[in-house]
C-alpha cells in the first residue's frame, strides 16, 4: 500500500497530552485515546503518511522488528479505518 493515509480532520478533534493523544469523534461524541506508540502514528497520520512510513516510524522510535511494526501499524490503521477516521 503506497497511498497516503490521513486522519479525517473533519470528523475528529484531538490533542497531545504528554506522549499520548486524546481525541473525540465529533459525529458520535466517542472519546479515543492512544498510548505513546499510537500517538507517534497519530502524529504521522495527521500530516499524511504511507503504511511504509508508519512502519518506519515505529521501527525508529521503538526499535521494533519490521514484521512486528508492520503488524502493529496494520492493526492501528484497520481500527481507525473501520470507524471512518481515515481518509485515503
N, C-alpha and C. Protein backbone atom coordinates (compact mmCIF):
# COMPACT_ATOMS: atom_id res chain seq x y z
N UNK A 1 0.85 -1.17 0.00
CA UNK A 1 0.00 0.00 0.00
C UNK A 1 0.90 1.24 0.00
N UNK A 2 0.79 2.07 -1.04
CA UNK A 2 1.59 3.28 -1.11
C UNK A 2 0.72 4.53 -1.02
N UNK A 3 -0.56 4.36 -0.83
CA UNK A 3 -1.45 5.50 -0.70
C UNK A 3 -1.15 6.25 0.59
N UNK A 4 -1.28 7.56 0.51
CA UNK A 4 -1.12 8.38 1.70
C UNK A 4 -2.41 8.34 2.51
N UNK A 5 -2.26 8.03 3.77
CA UNK A 5 -3.39 8.00 4.69
C UNK A 5 -3.37 9.24 5.56
N UNK A 6 -4.56 9.75 5.87
CA UNK A 6 -4.67 10.93 6.74
C UNK A 6 -5.83 10.72 7.69
N UNK A 7 -5.71 11.34 8.84
CA UNK A 7 -6.83 11.36 9.76
C UNK A 7 -7.96 12.20 9.17
N UNK A 8 -9.17 11.82 9.44
CA UNK A 8 -10.35 12.54 8.99
C UNK A 8 -10.55 13.75 9.91
N UNK A 9 -9.89 14.84 9.58
CA UNK A 9 -9.89 16.03 10.44
C UNK A 9 -11.27 16.66 10.57
N UNK A 10 -12.13 16.44 9.59
CA UNK A 10 -13.49 16.98 9.68
C UNK A 10 -14.31 16.25 10.74
N UNK A 11 -13.92 15.02 11.02
CA UNK A 11 -14.67 14.21 11.97
C UNK A 11 -14.04 14.16 13.36
N UNK A 12 -12.75 14.38 13.44
CA UNK A 12 -12.01 14.21 14.69
C UNK A 12 -11.43 15.51 15.20
N UNK A 13 -11.38 15.63 16.50
CA UNK A 13 -10.60 16.68 17.18
C UNK A 13 -9.70 15.95 18.16
N UNK A 14 -8.45 16.41 18.26
CA UNK A 14 -7.52 15.73 19.15
C UNK A 14 -6.51 16.70 19.72
N UNK A 15 -5.88 16.23 20.78
CA UNK A 15 -4.79 16.98 21.40
C UNK A 15 -3.78 15.99 21.96
N UNK A 16 -2.54 16.40 22.01
CA UNK A 16 -1.49 15.59 22.62
C UNK A 16 -1.37 16.00 24.08
N UNK A 17 -1.29 15.02 24.94
CA UNK A 17 -1.07 15.24 26.36
C UNK A 17 0.10 14.35 26.76
N UNK A 18 1.21 15.00 27.10
CA UNK A 18 2.46 14.29 27.34
C UNK A 18 2.79 13.50 26.08
N UNK A 19 2.90 12.18 26.17
CA UNK A 19 3.24 11.39 24.98
C UNK A 19 2.04 10.56 24.50
N UNK A 20 0.84 10.99 24.84
CA UNK A 20 -0.38 10.30 24.41
C UNK A 20 -1.27 11.26 23.64
N UNK A 21 -2.29 10.71 22.98
CA UNK A 21 -3.27 11.50 22.25
C UNK A 21 -4.64 11.20 22.81
N UNK A 22 -5.41 12.26 22.99
CA UNK A 22 -6.82 12.14 23.37
C UNK A 22 -7.61 12.78 22.24
N UNK A 23 -8.62 12.08 21.76
CA UNK A 23 -9.41 12.56 20.62
C UNK A 23 -10.88 12.34 20.88
N UNK A 24 -11.69 13.07 20.13
CA UNK A 24 -13.13 12.89 20.18
C UNK A 24 -13.65 12.84 18.75
N UNK A 25 -14.56 11.91 18.53
CA UNK A 25 -15.28 11.82 17.26
C UNK A 25 -16.43 12.81 17.36
N UNK A 26 -16.38 13.87 16.57
CA UNK A 26 -17.39 14.92 16.66
C UNK A 26 -18.77 14.43 16.23
N UNK A 27 -18.82 13.38 15.43
CA UNK A 27 -20.09 12.86 14.97
C UNK A 27 -20.82 12.06 16.04
N UNK A 28 -20.08 11.21 16.73
CA UNK A 28 -20.71 10.31 17.70
C UNK A 28 -20.41 10.66 19.16
N UNK A 29 -19.54 11.63 19.38
CA UNK A 29 -19.09 12.03 20.73
C UNK A 29 -18.34 10.92 21.45
N UNK A 30 -17.75 10.01 20.71
CA UNK A 30 -16.92 8.94 21.27
C UNK A 30 -15.53 9.49 21.53
N UNK A 31 -15.01 9.21 22.73
CA UNK A 31 -13.65 9.61 23.08
C UNK A 31 -12.69 8.49 22.75
N UNK A 32 -11.51 8.86 22.29
CA UNK A 32 -10.46 7.90 21.93
C UNK A 32 -9.18 8.30 22.66
N UNK A 33 -8.36 7.33 22.89
CA UNK A 33 -7.05 7.59 23.48
C UNK A 33 -6.02 6.70 22.81
N UNK A 34 -4.83 7.24 22.62
CA UNK A 34 -3.73 6.46 22.05
C UNK A 34 -2.51 6.61 22.94
N UNK A 35 -1.85 5.48 23.20
CA UNK A 35 -0.63 5.50 24.00
C UNK A 35 0.51 6.12 23.19
N UNK A 36 1.71 6.04 23.69
CA UNK A 36 2.83 6.73 23.04
C UNK A 36 3.10 6.21 21.62
N UNK A 37 3.03 4.91 21.41
CA UNK A 37 3.26 4.41 20.05
C UNK A 37 2.10 4.80 19.14
N UNK A 38 0.89 4.74 19.65
CA UNK A 38 -0.27 5.20 18.88
C UNK A 38 -0.18 6.68 18.58
N UNK A 39 0.34 7.45 19.54
CA UNK A 39 0.49 8.90 19.34
C UNK A 39 1.50 9.20 18.24
N UNK A 40 2.56 8.40 18.17
CA UNK A 40 3.55 8.58 17.09
C UNK A 40 2.90 8.34 15.74
N UNK A 41 2.09 7.29 15.65
CA UNK A 41 1.38 7.00 14.41
C UNK A 41 0.34 8.08 14.12
N UNK A 42 -0.36 8.52 15.16
CA UNK A 42 -1.39 9.56 15.02
C UNK A 42 -0.79 10.83 14.44
N UNK A 43 0.37 11.23 14.98
CA UNK A 43 1.04 12.42 14.51
C UNK A 43 1.39 12.30 13.02
N UNK A 44 1.91 11.15 12.63
CA UNK A 44 2.25 10.92 11.22
C UNK A 44 0.99 10.95 10.35
N UNK A 45 -0.09 10.35 10.84
CA UNK A 45 -1.34 10.34 10.08
C UNK A 45 -1.96 11.74 9.99
N UNK A 46 -1.74 12.58 10.98
CA UNK A 46 -2.25 13.94 10.94
C UNK A 46 -1.60 14.72 9.79
N UNK A 47 -0.34 14.42 9.50
CA UNK A 47 0.39 15.07 8.40
C UNK A 47 0.15 14.37 7.07
N UNK A 48 -0.20 13.10 7.15
CA UNK A 48 -0.34 12.26 5.96
C UNK A 48 0.88 11.37 5.84
N UNK A 49 0.66 10.07 5.78
CA UNK A 49 1.77 9.12 5.72
C UNK A 49 1.34 7.85 5.01
N UNK A 50 2.28 7.18 4.40
CA UNK A 50 2.02 5.88 3.81
C UNK A 50 2.17 4.80 4.88
N UNK A 51 1.70 3.62 4.58
CA UNK A 51 1.88 2.49 5.50
C UNK A 51 3.37 2.29 5.79
N UNK A 52 4.19 2.34 4.76
CA UNK A 52 5.63 2.16 4.93
C UNK A 52 6.24 3.20 5.84
N UNK A 53 5.79 4.43 5.72
CA UNK A 53 6.29 5.49 6.60
C UNK A 53 5.86 5.25 8.05
N UNK A 54 4.65 4.75 8.23
CA UNK A 54 4.18 4.44 9.58
C UNK A 54 5.00 3.31 10.20
N UNK A 55 5.28 2.29 9.41
CA UNK A 55 6.12 1.18 9.89
C UNK A 55 7.49 1.71 10.28
N UNK A 56 8.07 2.54 9.43
CA UNK A 56 9.40 3.12 9.72
C UNK A 56 9.37 3.97 10.99
N UNK A 57 8.26 4.65 11.24
CA UNK A 57 8.11 5.45 12.45
C UNK A 57 8.25 4.58 13.69
N UNK A 58 7.56 3.44 13.71
CA UNK A 58 7.64 2.55 14.87
C UNK A 58 9.01 1.91 15.02
N UNK A 59 9.61 1.56 13.90
CA UNK A 59 10.95 0.96 13.96
C UNK A 59 11.94 1.96 14.54
N UNK A 60 11.88 3.20 14.06
CA UNK A 60 12.82 4.22 14.52
C UNK A 60 12.58 4.60 15.98
N UNK A 61 11.32 4.70 16.38
CA UNK A 61 11.01 5.17 17.73
C UNK A 61 11.17 4.09 18.79
N UNK A 62 10.88 2.84 18.42
CA UNK A 62 10.83 1.78 19.43
C UNK A 62 11.74 0.59 19.15
N UNK A 63 12.46 0.63 18.05
CA UNK A 63 13.39 -0.45 17.73
C UNK A 63 12.70 -1.78 17.46
N UNK A 64 11.47 -1.73 16.98
CA UNK A 64 10.73 -2.97 16.70
C UNK A 64 11.28 -3.67 15.47
N UNK A 65 11.11 -4.97 15.44
CA UNK A 65 11.40 -5.73 14.24
C UNK A 65 10.40 -5.30 13.17
N UNK A 66 10.81 -5.27 11.90
CA UNK A 66 9.90 -4.81 10.84
C UNK A 66 8.56 -5.54 10.80
N UNK A 67 8.58 -6.86 11.03
CA UNK A 67 7.33 -7.62 10.99
C UNK A 67 6.38 -7.20 12.11
N UNK A 68 6.93 -6.98 13.28
CA UNK A 68 6.11 -6.54 14.42
C UNK A 68 5.56 -5.14 14.18
N UNK A 69 6.42 -4.24 13.69
CA UNK A 69 5.98 -2.88 13.40
C UNK A 69 4.88 -2.89 12.35
N UNK A 70 5.04 -3.69 11.31
CA UNK A 70 4.02 -3.78 10.25
C UNK A 70 2.70 -4.31 10.80
N UNK A 71 2.78 -5.31 11.65
CA UNK A 71 1.57 -5.87 12.25
C UNK A 71 0.86 -4.84 13.12
N UNK A 72 1.62 -4.11 13.92
CA UNK A 72 1.04 -3.08 14.78
C UNK A 72 0.40 -1.96 13.95
N UNK A 73 1.09 -1.53 12.90
CA UNK A 73 0.55 -0.49 12.02
C UNK A 73 -0.74 -0.98 11.36
N UNK A 74 -0.73 -2.21 10.86
CA UNK A 74 -1.92 -2.75 10.20
C UNK A 74 -3.11 -2.78 11.14
N UNK A 75 -2.89 -3.19 12.38
CA UNK A 75 -3.97 -3.23 13.36
C UNK A 75 -4.48 -1.82 13.66
N UNK A 76 -3.57 -0.87 13.81
CA UNK A 76 -3.94 0.50 14.14
C UNK A 76 -4.75 1.14 13.02
N UNK A 77 -4.24 1.05 11.78
CA UNK A 77 -4.96 1.69 10.68
C UNK A 77 -6.25 0.94 10.33
N UNK A 78 -6.27 -0.36 10.59
CA UNK A 78 -7.51 -1.11 10.37
C UNK A 78 -8.60 -0.63 11.32
N UNK A 79 -8.24 -0.44 12.57
CA UNK A 79 -9.22 0.02 13.56
C UNK A 79 -9.69 1.44 13.24
N UNK A 80 -8.77 2.32 12.91
CA UNK A 80 -9.16 3.68 12.55
C UNK A 80 -10.04 3.68 11.30
N UNK A 81 -9.65 2.89 10.33
CA UNK A 81 -10.43 2.81 9.08
C UNK A 81 -11.82 2.24 9.29
N UNK A 82 -11.92 1.27 10.15
CA UNK A 82 -13.22 0.63 10.44
C UNK A 82 -14.23 1.64 10.98
N UNK A 83 -13.74 2.64 11.69
CA UNK A 83 -14.61 3.64 12.27
C UNK A 83 -14.74 4.90 11.41
N UNK A 84 -14.09 4.90 10.24
CA UNK A 84 -14.18 6.05 9.36
C UNK A 84 -13.30 7.21 9.75
N UNK A 85 -12.24 6.94 10.51
CA UNK A 85 -11.36 8.00 10.99
C UNK A 85 -10.20 8.31 10.06
N UNK A 86 -10.12 7.59 8.93
CA UNK A 86 -9.04 7.82 7.97
C UNK A 86 -9.59 8.26 6.62
N UNK A 87 -8.79 9.06 5.93
CA UNK A 87 -9.03 9.40 4.55
C UNK A 87 -7.87 8.83 3.75
N UNK A 88 -8.14 8.32 2.56
CA UNK A 88 -7.05 7.77 1.73
C UNK A 88 -6.77 8.71 0.59
